[in-house]
Amino acid sequence: NLMMQELNKGNYLWVVRQLEKFLKGKLIAPSNHQKMIKNCFENIYASQGKISVEAAGLETGYSSRYIQKLFERYKGKSFQYYCRLSRLHYALQFSKRRDKTKFTELAYEAGYYDQTHFIKDFTGFTGLAPKKFFVEEHLYISQNTASGVPFKKNVNQ
């Protein structure tokens, strides 16, 4: 291995530069990937999470499999994960506009197939069942961030 040979020779500066090049290549996505991912995020937000990866593929001109790979590689989560998060965000925003919302109504309004899927996503993202979250007034949406994305509460606190 060339790196080991250079390390053994004491050529540390060369090794550091090679590592920097390698890491920069891993951290910075090529601009066409960034644009495609940004476009996908805009579509996810505009559709309130109700877009499929196949529809995003048609919109961007990339295959759905390629989009999935890029999301996993550059964002660390699947395309569908961000759709689910956006749907939940919309549901929480919708619930804030209503004094009292039935969970079934909230689930359908946010684009869930049924209340069970809504509860599963809600519990997965917040760590609390919706009833407990709303009854105990645990509406954990950051008012100071542009995204307003809910976060998981550490229930041990």
C-alpha atoms as a PDB file:
ATOM      1  CA  ASN A   1       0.000   0.000   0.000  1.00  0.00           C
ATOM      2  CA  LEU A   2       1.400   3.342  -1.093  1.00  0.00           C
ATOM      3  CA  MET A   3       0.172   5.180   2.011  1.00  0.00           C
ATOM      4  CA  MET A   4       1.986   2.790   4.330  1.00  0.00           C
ATOM      5  CA  GLN A   5       5.174   3.085   2.296  1.00  0.00           C
ATOM      6  CA  GLU A   6       5.062   6.875   2.502  1.00  0.00           C
ATOM      7  CA  LEU A   7       4.332   6.739   6.238  1.00  0.00           C
ATOM      8  CA  ASN A   8       7.306   4.432   6.755  1.00  0.00           C
ATOM      9  CA  LYS A   9       9.506   6.883   4.825  1.00  0.00           C
ATOM     10  CA  GLY A  10       8.355   9.670   7.146  1.00  0.00           C
ATOM     11  CA  ASN A  11       6.548  11.560   4.391  1.00  0.00           C
ATOM     12  CA  TYR A  12       3.732  12.635   6.720  1.00  0.00           C
ATOM     13  CA  LEU A  13       2.797  15.809   4.858  1.00  0.00           C
ATOM     14  CA  TRP A  14       2.166  13.848   1.639  1.00  0.00           C
ATOM     15  CA  VAL A  15       0.008  11.324   3.512  1.00  0.00           C
ATOM     16  CA  VAL A  16      -2.012  14.107   5.170  1.00  0.00           C
ATOM     17  CA  ARG A  17      -2.627  15.792   1.802  1.00  0.00           C
ATOM     18  CA  GLN A  18      -3.767  12.503   0.257  1.00  0.00           C
ATOM     19  CA  LEU A  19      -6.135  11.897   3.162  1.00  0.00           C
ATOM     20  CA  GLU A  20      -7.521  15.438   2.857  1.00  0.00           C
ATOM     21  CA  LYS A  21      -8.204  14.908  -0.853  1.00  0.00           C
ATOM     22  CA  PHE A  22      -9.912  11.611  -0.127  1.00  0.00           C
ATOM     23  CA  LEU A  23     -12.080  13.020   2.675  1.00  0.00           C
ATOM     24  CA  LYS A  24     -13.038  16.153   0.722  1.00  0.00           C
ATOM     25  CA  GLY A  25     -14.206  13.919  -2.086  1.00  0.00           C
ATOM     26  CA  LYS A  26     -16.412  12.031   0.349  1.00  0.00           C
ATOM     27  CA  LEU A  27     -17.849  15.121   2.031  1.00  0.00           C
ATOM     28  CA  ILE A  28     -18.712  17.215  -0.984  1.00  0.00           C
ATOM     29  CA  ALA A  29     -21.253  15.829  -3.405  1.00  0.00           C
ATOM     30  CA  PRO A  30     -20.804  16.762  -7.062  1.00  0.00           C
ATOM     31  CA  SER A  31     -22.917  19.790  -7.946  1.00  0.00           C
ATOM     32  CA  ASN A  32     -25.292  17.850 -10.212  1.00  0.00           C
ATOM     33  CA  HIS A  33     -26.060  15.533  -7.287  1.00  0.00           C
ATOM     34  CA  GLN A  34     -26.600  18.500  -4.980  1.00  0.00           C
ATOM     35  CA  LYS A  35     -29.015  20.085  -7.439  1.00  0.00           C
ATOM     36  CA  MET A  36     -30.953  16.853  -7.891  1.00  0.00           C
ATOM     37  CA  ILE A  37     -31.176  16.252  -4.135  1.00  0.00           C
ATOM     38  CA  LYS A  38     -32.245  19.876  -3.567  1.00  0.00           C
ATOM     39  CA  ASN A  39     -34.916  19.478  -6.235  1.00  0.00           C
ATOM     40  CA  CYS A  40     -36.138  16.300  -4.534  1.00  0.00           C
ATOM     41  CA  PHE A  41     -36.339  18.078  -1.171  1.00  0.00           C
ATOM     42  CA  GLU A  42     -38.317  20.906  -2.765  1.00  0.00           C
ATOM     43  CA  ASN A  43     -40.720  18.345  -4.254  1.00  0.00           C
ATOM     44  CA  ILE A  44     -41.030  16.542  -0.926  1.00  0.00           C
ATOM     45  CA  TYR A  45     -41.828  19.801   0.864  1.00  0.00           C
ATOM     46  CA  ALA A  46     -44.218  21.066  -1.831  1.00  0.00           C
ATOM     47  CA  SER A  47     -46.123  17.768  -1.814  1.00  0.00           C
ATOM     48  CA  GLN A  48     -46.150  17.642   2.003  1.00  0.00           C
ATOM     49  CA  GLY A  49     -44.361  14.307   1.787  1.00  0.00           C
ATOM     50  CA  LYS A  50     -46.930  12.793  -0.567  1.00  0.00           C
ATOM     51  CA  ILE A  51     -44.511  12.174  -3.442  1.00  0.00           C
ATOM     52  CA  SER A  52     -43.084   8.798  -4.367  1.00  0.00           C
ATOM     53  CA  VAL A  53     -39.469   8.229  -5.283  1.00  0.00           C
ATOM     54  CA  GLU A  54     -40.726   7.092  -8.698  1.00  0.00           C
ATOM     55  CA  ALA A  55     -42.473  10.451  -9.248  1.00  0.00           C
ATOM     56  CA  ALA A  56     -39.315  12.256  -8.129  1.00  0.00           C
ATOM     57  CA  GLY A  57     -37.410  10.170 -10.663  1.00  0.00           C
ATOM     58  CA  LEU A  58     -39.727  11.291 -13.458  1.00  0.00           C
ATOM     59  CA  GLU A  59     -39.345  14.903 -12.293  1.00  0.00           C
ATOM     60  CA  THR A  60     -35.540  14.806 -12.175  1.00  0.00           C
ATOM     61  CA  GLY A  61     -34.824  12.391 -15.015  1.00  0.00           C
ATOM     62  CA  TYR A  62     -33.000   9.945 -12.723  1.00  0.00           C
ATOM     63  CA  SER A  63     -34.084   6.428 -11.863  1.00  0.00           C
ATOM     64  CA  SER A  64     -35.758   5.877  -8.524  1.00  0.00           C
ATOM     65  CA  ARG A  65     -32.980   3.449  -7.538  1.00  0.00           C
ATOM     66  CA  TYR A  66     -30.317   6.071  -8.282  1.00  0.00           C
ATOM     67  CA  ILE A  67     -32.172   8.671  -6.204  1.00  0.00           C
ATOM     68  CA  GLN A  68     -32.374   6.190  -3.310  1.00  0.00           C
ATOM     69  CA  LYS A  69     -28.620   5.545  -3.530  1.00  0.00           C
ATOM     70  CA  LEU A  70     -27.794   9.264  -3.558  1.00  0.00           C
ATOM     71  CA  PHE A  71     -30.044   9.972  -0.571  1.00  0.00           C
ATOM     72  CA  GLU A  72     -28.475   7.141   1.410  1.00  0.00           C
ATOM     73  CA  ARG A  73     -24.961   8.235   0.442  1.00  0.00           C
ATOM     74  CA  TYR A  74     -25.219  12.007   0.842  1.00  0.00           C
ATOM     75  CA  LYS A  75     -28.047  12.424   3.363  1.00  0.00           C
ATOM     76  CA  GLY A  76     -27.688   9.235   5.393  1.00  0.00           C
ATOM     77  CA  LYS A  77     -31.416   8.435   5.213  1.00  0.00           C
ATOM     78  CA  SER A  78     -33.762   7.170   2.549  1.00  0.00           C
ATOM     79  CA  PHE A  79     -35.910   9.341   0.303  1.00  0.00           C
ATOM     80  CA  GLN A  80     -38.982   7.830   1.969  1.00  0.00           C
ATOM     81  CA  TYR A  81     -37.672   8.788   5.421  1.00  0.00           C
ATOM     82  CA  TYR A  82     -37.781  12.452   4.435  1.00  0.00           C
ATOM     83  CA  CYS A  83     -41.261  12.003   2.953  1.00  0.00           C
ATOM     84  CA  ARG A  84     -42.462  10.522   6.235  1.00  0.00           C
ATOM     85  CA  LEU A  85     -40.841  13.349   8.172  1.00  0.00           C
ATOM     86  CA  SER A  86     -42.450  15.945   5.919  1.00  0.00           C
ATOM     87  CA  ARG A  87     -45.870  14.273   6.273  1.00  0.00           C
ATOM     88  CA  LEU A  88     -45.524  14.310  10.040  1.00  0.00           C
ATOM     89  CA  HIS A  89     -44.421  17.942   9.977  1.00  0.00           C
ATOM     90  CA  TYR A  90     -47.494  18.822   7.921  1.00  0.00           C
ATOM     91  CA  ALA A  91     -49.735  16.893  10.334  1.00  0.00           C
ATOM     92  CA  LEU A  92     -48.296  18.822  13.275  1.00  0.00           C
ATOM     93  CA  GLN A  93     -48.737  22.139  11.471  1.00  0.00           C
ATOM     94  CA  PHE A  94     -52.316  21.149  10.584  1.00  0.00           C
ATOM     95  CA  SER A  95     -53.039  20.221  14.195  1.00  0.00           C
ATOM     96  CA  LYS A  96     -51.800  23.617  15.388  1.00  0.00           C
ATOM     97  CA  ARG A  97     -54.421  25.320  13.192  1.00  0.00           C
ATOM     98  CA  ARG A  98     -57.219  23.307  14.801  1.00  0.00           C
ATOM     99  CA  ASP A  99     -58.405  23.520  18.383  1.00  0.00           C
ATOM    100  CA  LYS A 100     -59.260  19.863  18.602  1.00  0.00           C
ATOM    101  CA  THR A 101     -58.342  17.346  15.939  1.00  0.00           C
ATOM    102  CA  LYS A 102     -59.276  13.705  15.740  1.00  0.00           C
ATOM    103  CA  PHE A 103     -56.238  11.566  14.942  1.00  0.00           C
ATOM    104  CA  THR A 104     -58.046   9.816  12.099  1.00  0.00           C
ATOM    105  CA  GLU A 105     -58.830  13.162  10.468  1.00  0.00           C
ATOM    106  CA  LEU A 106     -55.283  14.319  11.056  1.00  0.00           C
ATOM    107  CA  ALA A 107     -53.853  11.133   9.539  1.00  0.00           C
ATOM    108  CA  TYR A 108     -55.938  11.385   6.371  1.00  0.00           C
ATOM    109  CA  GLU A 109     -55.303  15.120   5.980  1.00  0.00           C
ATOM    110  CA  ALA A 110     -51.554  14.504   6.186  1.00  0.00           C
ATOM    111  CA  GLY A 111     -51.686  11.782   3.542  1.00  0.00           C
ATOM    112  CA  TYR A 112     -51.425   8.663   5.670  1.00  0.00           C
ATOM    113  CA  TYR A 113     -53.254   5.533   4.541  1.00  0.00           C
ATOM    114  CA  ASP A 114     -54.750   5.108   7.968  1.00  0.00           C
ATOM    115  CA  GLN A 115     -54.432   6.118  11.602  1.00  0.00           C
ATOM    116  CA  THR A 116     -52.119   3.179  12.361  1.00  0.00           C
ATOM    117  CA  HIS A 117     -49.450   4.409   9.925  1.00  0.00           C
ATOM    118  CA  PHE A 118     -49.752   7.905  11.377  1.00  0.00           C
ATOM    119  CA  ILE A 119     -49.311   6.637  14.939  1.00  0.00           C
ATOM    120  CA  LYS A 120     -46.331   4.496  13.936  1.00  0.00           C
ATOM    121  CA  ASP A 121     -44.535   7.432  12.267  1.00  0.00           C
ATOM    122  CA  PHE A 122     -45.497   9.826  15.050  1.00  0.00           C
ATOM    123  CA  THR A 123     -44.181   7.533  17.768  1.00  0.00           C
ATOM    124  CA  GLY A 124     -41.049   6.747  15.762  1.00  0.00           C
ATOM    125  CA  PHE A 125     -40.106  10.393  15.300  1.00  0.00           C
ATOM    126  CA  THR A 126     -41.201  11.878  18.636  1.00  0.00           C
ATOM    127  CA  GLY A 127     -40.844   8.962  21.037  1.00  0.00           C
ATOM    128  CA  LEU A 128     -44.410   9.510  22.264  1.00  0.00           C
ATOM    129  CA  ALA A 129     -47.810   8.292  21.128  1.00  0.00           C
ATOM    130  CA  PRO A 130     -49.870  11.146  19.615  1.00  0.00           C
ATOM    131  CA  LYS A 131     -52.442  11.102  22.417  1.00  0.00           C
ATOM    132  CA  LYS A 132     -49.765  11.433  25.084  1.00  0.00           C
ATOM    133  CA  PHE A 133     -47.923  14.057  23.059  1.00  0.00           C
ATOM    134  CA  PHE A 134     -50.974  16.308  22.645  1.00  0.00           C
ATOM    135  CA  VAL A 135     -52.684  15.630  25.980  1.00  0.00           C
ATOM    136  CA  GLU A 136     -49.548  16.479  27.942  1.00  0.00           C
ATOM    137  CA  GLU A 137     -48.924  19.441  25.614  1.00  0.00           C
ATOM    138  CA  HIS A 138     -45.606  18.081  24.387  1.00  0.00           C
ATOM    139  CA  LEU A 139     -45.612  19.870  21.041  1.00  0.00           C
ATOM    140  CA  TYR A 140     -41.888  19.685  20.317  1.00  0.00           C
ATOM    141  CA  ILE A 141     -41.530  21.764  17.191  1.00  0.00           C
ATOM    142  CA  SER A 142     -38.684  24.201  17.251  1.00  0.00           C
ATOM    143  CA  GLN A 143     -39.976  27.716  16.744  1.00  0.00           C
ATOM    144  CA  ASN A 144     -36.426  28.917  16.085  1.00  0.00           C
ATOM    145  CA  THR A 145     -35.584  26.783  13.065  1.00  0.00           C
ATOM    146  CA  ALA A 146     -36.606  27.270   9.487  1.00  0.00           C
ATOM    147  CA  SER A 147     -37.465  23.609   9.041  1.00  0.00           C
ATOM    148  CA  GLY A 148     -39.662  23.214  12.120  1.00  0.00           C
ATOM    149  CA  VAL A 149     -38.805  19.514  12.153  1.00  0.00           C
ATOM    150  CA  PRO A 150     -39.965  17.574  15.207  1.00  0.00           C
ATOM    151  CA  PHE A 151     -37.355  15.789  17.230  1.00  0.00           C
ATOM    152  CA  LYS A 152     -37.267  12.797  19.503  1.00  0.00           C
ATOM    153  CA  LYS A 153     -37.483  13.673  23.177  1.00  0.00           C
ATOM    154  CA  ASN A 154     -35.253  11.832  25.597  1.00  0.00           C
ATOM    155  CA  VAL A 155     -37.896  10.246  27.788  1.00  0.00           C
ATOM    156  CA  ASN A 156     -35.344   9.673  30.575  1.00  0.00           C
ATOM    157  CA  GLN A 157     -35.071  13.400  31.301  1.00  0.00           C
END
